[in-house]
């Protein structure tokens, strides 16, 4: 029967570590093998999505549901969001110059124009969304239909998997379980003939 080592661990620290760097929460609670596997799998899944879709994979403006899931990957998602935000900042400034709107006006119109409840009869919304999309295409970073679904799906699933891993590290910490369990002898006992 495996023996579990009891040690006091801070659940909040386990949660933050597990979110910030996938697998770090498991290292904290003494499960380095599980932590290493989580680190590799979550990172590989997220960055596969980024490789397929590019900088717009983590897209706050056009795909909020996937964005929330992607933020569960911690540092990976934050870096992707930083890159996406930097690109959009440049694009919004360029569109503001073309349309004689403020940068904040472009952002507000773009966010309203990409929402499902937009008023498609408003010519300013259509102009801003069209100009932003055209500028993204000119820069060669616009995502096309099948690519965006695959890319955002990979990065989002990585986040949802890490959410499960965060919960696991948190529960292990709450239970006070520390360390890897001892391997159990699963070989069937040989009966004497």
Protein backbone atom coordinates (compact mmCIF):
# COMPACT_ATOMS: atom_id res chain seq x y z
CA UNK A 1 0.00 0.00 0.00
CA UNK A 2 1.50 3.36 -1.01
CA UNK A 3 2.49 5.69 1.78
CA UNK A 4 1.68 9.34 1.40
CA UNK A 5 3.88 11.93 3.01
CA UNK A 6 1.93 14.66 4.80
CA UNK A 7 3.39 18.15 4.65
CA UNK A 8 1.86 21.56 5.02
CA UNK A 9 1.62 23.35 1.68
CA UNK A 10 -0.02 26.66 0.87
CA UNK A 11 -3.04 26.06 -1.41
CA UNK A 12 -3.02 29.63 -2.72
CA UNK A 13 0.64 29.35 -3.69
CA UNK A 14 -0.03 25.98 -5.37
CA UNK A 15 -2.89 27.57 -7.34
CA UNK A 16 -0.85 30.59 -8.47
CA UNK A 17 2.16 28.49 -9.44
CA UNK A 18 0.00 25.97 -11.33
CA UNK A 19 -1.64 28.80 -13.29
CA UNK A 20 1.47 30.90 -13.94
CA UNK A 21 3.66 28.06 -15.19
CA UNK A 22 1.76 24.87 -16.04
CA UNK A 23 3.20 22.06 -13.93
CA UNK A 24 4.85 24.32 -11.34
CA UNK A 25 2.07 23.70 -8.83
CA UNK A 26 2.78 19.98 -9.02
CA UNK A 27 6.50 20.59 -8.50
CA UNK A 28 5.52 22.61 -5.41
CA UNK A 29 3.46 19.75 -3.96
CA UNK A 30 6.28 17.28 -4.63
CA UNK A 31 5.02 15.68 -7.83
CA UNK A 32 7.85 16.51 -10.25
CA UNK A 33 7.07 13.74 -12.75
CA UNK A 34 3.47 14.87 -13.12
CA UNK A 35 4.63 18.51 -13.19
CA UNK A 36 7.11 17.85 -16.00
CA UNK A 37 4.49 16.02 -18.06
CA UNK A 38 2.00 18.85 -17.57
CA UNK A 39 4.63 21.46 -18.49
CA UNK A 40 5.51 19.71 -21.74
CA UNK A 41 1.95 18.78 -22.81
CA UNK A 42 0.33 22.15 -22.05
CA UNK A 43 3.22 24.10 -23.58
CA UNK A 44 3.35 21.94 -26.71
CA UNK A 45 -0.41 22.14 -27.22
CA UNK A 46 -0.55 25.92 -26.74
CA UNK A 47 2.45 26.66 -28.96
CA UNK A 48 1.17 24.31 -31.67
CA UNK A 49 -1.92 26.50 -31.82
CA UNK A 50 0.25 29.62 -31.95
CA UNK A 51 2.37 28.10 -34.72
CA UNK A 52 -0.73 27.36 -36.79
CA UNK A 53 -2.51 30.67 -36.23
CA UNK A 54 0.19 33.18 -35.47
CA UNK A 55 -0.11 36.25 -33.31
CA UNK A 56 -3.90 36.53 -33.64
CA UNK A 57 -4.51 33.11 -32.07
CA UNK A 58 -4.96 34.76 -28.67
CA UNK A 59 -7.53 37.37 -29.74
CA UNK A 60 -9.37 39.34 -27.08
CA UNK A 61 -11.46 41.28 -29.60
CA UNK A 62 -12.81 38.55 -31.87
CA UNK A 63 -12.90 35.41 -29.76
CA UNK A 64 -13.60 36.11 -26.10
CA UNK A 65 -14.59 32.57 -25.13
CA UNK A 66 -11.37 31.07 -26.46
CA UNK A 67 -9.46 34.01 -24.99
CA UNK A 68 -10.66 33.18 -21.47
CA UNK A 69 -9.68 29.53 -21.96
CA UNK A 70 -6.26 30.54 -23.33
CA UNK A 71 -5.58 32.74 -20.29
CA UNK A 72 -5.69 29.58 -18.15
CA UNK A 73 -2.29 28.70 -19.61
CA UNK A 74 -0.69 31.43 -17.50
CA UNK A 75 2.56 32.81 -18.88
CA UNK A 76 1.94 31.24 -22.30
CA UNK A 77 -1.41 32.98 -22.70
CA UNK A 78 -0.15 36.25 -21.25
CA UNK A 79 2.70 36.34 -23.74
CA UNK A 80 0.32 35.59 -26.62
CA UNK A 81 -2.02 38.35 -25.44
CA UNK A 82 0.89 40.80 -25.17
CA UNK A 83 1.93 40.05 -28.76
CA UNK A 84 -1.66 40.36 -30.02
CA UNK A 85 -2.20 43.63 -28.14
CA UNK A 86 1.01 45.14 -29.55
CA UNK A 87 -0.12 44.27 -33.09
CA UNK A 88 -3.61 45.68 -32.59
CA UNK A 89 -2.20 48.90 -31.06
CA UNK A 90 -0.26 49.57 -34.27
CA UNK A 91 -3.24 48.67 -36.47
CA UNK A 92 -5.65 50.83 -34.43
CA UNK A 93 -3.31 53.84 -34.75
CA UNK A 94 -3.06 53.36 -38.52
CA UNK A 95 -6.84 53.05 -38.88
CA UNK A 96 -7.36 56.12 -36.66
CA UNK A 97 -5.21 58.16 -39.04
CA UNK A 98 -7.20 56.96 -42.08
CA UNK A 99 -10.66 57.44 -40.57
CA UNK A 100 -10.11 60.69 -38.60
CA UNK A 101 -11.26 58.97 -35.40
CA UNK A 102 -9.35 58.82 -32.14
CA UNK A 103 -7.59 55.57 -31.34
CA UNK A 104 -10.08 55.01 -28.52
CA UNK A 105 -12.92 55.64 -30.98
CA UNK A 106 -11.51 53.04 -33.34
CA UNK A 107 -11.19 50.52 -30.50
CA UNK A 108 -14.75 51.17 -29.29
CA UNK A 109 -16.18 50.88 -32.80
CA UNK A 110 -14.14 47.76 -33.54
CA UNK A 111 -15.23 46.04 -30.32
CA UNK A 112 -18.87 46.95 -30.95
CA UNK A 113 -18.60 45.99 -34.62
CA UNK A 114 -17.20 42.54 -33.87
CA UNK A 115 -19.76 41.73 -31.18
CA UNK A 116 -22.72 39.54 -32.04
CA UNK A 117 -25.15 42.30 -31.05
CA UNK A 118 -23.77 44.91 -33.46
CA UNK A 119 -25.90 47.19 -35.59
CA UNK A 120 -24.70 46.39 -39.11
CA UNK A 121 -26.51 49.47 -40.44
CA UNK A 122 -24.03 51.81 -38.71
CA UNK A 123 -21.58 52.90 -41.43
CA UNK A 124 -18.85 53.84 -38.90
CA UNK A 125 -18.81 50.32 -37.46
CA UNK A 126 -18.59 48.73 -40.88
CA UNK A 127 -15.84 51.16 -41.92
CA UNK A 128 -13.73 50.57 -38.82
CA UNK A 129 -14.09 46.77 -38.88
CA UNK A 130 -13.34 46.73 -42.62
CA UNK A 131 -10.28 48.97 -42.23
CA UNK A 132 -8.88 46.93 -39.33
CA UNK A 133 -9.38 43.68 -41.26
CA UNK A 134 -7.80 45.21 -44.38
CA UNK A 135 -4.80 46.44 -42.39
CA UNK A 136 -4.33 43.00 -40.81
CA UNK A 137 -4.42 41.45 -44.29
CA UNK A 138 -1.88 44.01 -45.59
CA UNK A 139 0.45 43.01 -42.75
CA UNK A 140 -0.08 39.34 -43.56
CA UNK A 141 -1.39 38.32 -40.14
CA UNK A 142 -5.13 37.96 -40.77
CA UNK A 143 -6.42 34.48 -39.98
CA UNK A 144 -8.62 32.55 -42.36
CA UNK A 145 -11.58 30.34 -41.47
CA UNK A 146 -10.22 26.82 -40.91
CA UNK A 147 -6.89 28.04 -39.57
CA UNK A 148 -8.39 30.25 -36.89
CA UNK A 149 -10.62 27.46 -35.58
CA UNK A 150 -7.75 24.99 -35.34
CA UNK A 151 -5.30 27.48 -33.84
CA UNK A 152 -7.68 28.88 -31.25
CA UNK A 153 -8.93 25.39 -30.47
CA UNK A 154 -5.44 24.09 -29.70
CA UNK A 155 -4.51 27.07 -27.53
CA UNK A 156 -7.91 27.05 -25.80
CA UNK A 157 -7.84 23.33 -25.09
CA UNK A 158 -4.38 23.78 -23.58
CA UNK A 159 -5.92 26.31 -21.20
CA UNK A 160 -8.83 24.05 -20.29
CA UNK A 161 -6.44 21.16 -19.64
CA UNK A 162 -4.33 23.39 -17.44
CA UNK A 163 -7.46 24.41 -15.53
CA UNK A 164 -7.90 20.74 -14.60
CA UNK A 165 -4.24 20.56 -13.60
CA UNK A 166 -4.62 23.71 -11.47
CA UNK A 167 -7.54 22.08 -9.66
CA UNK A 168 -5.49 18.90 -9.15
CA UNK A 169 -2.54 20.82 -7.64
CA UNK A 170 -4.93 22.80 -5.45
CA UNK A 171 -6.64 19.64 -4.15
CA UNK A 172 -3.33 17.92 -3.46
CA UNK A 173 -2.24 20.98 -1.51
CA UNK A 174 -5.50 21.14 0.47
CA UNK A 175 -5.19 17.46 1.35
CA UNK A 176 -1.62 17.95 2.49
CA UNK A 177 -0.36 15.21 0.17
CA UNK A 178 3.28 15.77 -0.66
CA UNK A 179 5.56 13.71 -2.88
CA UNK A 180 5.17 10.97 -5.41
CA UNK A 181 3.26 7.89 -4.29
CA UNK A 182 5.31 4.75 -3.94
CA UNK A 183 4.86 2.33 -6.83
CA UNK A 184 2.55 -0.51 -5.93
CA UNK A 185 3.37 -4.10 -6.71
CA UNK A 186 0.80 -4.97 -9.35
CA UNK A 187 2.32 -8.26 -10.42
CA UNK A 188 -0.07 -11.12 -9.68
CA UNK A 189 1.10 -13.50 -6.99
CA UNK A 190 2.26 -16.79 -8.42
CA UNK A 191 0.56 -19.74 -6.89
CA UNK A 192 2.60 -22.81 -6.15
CA UNK A 193 1.61 -25.73 -8.28
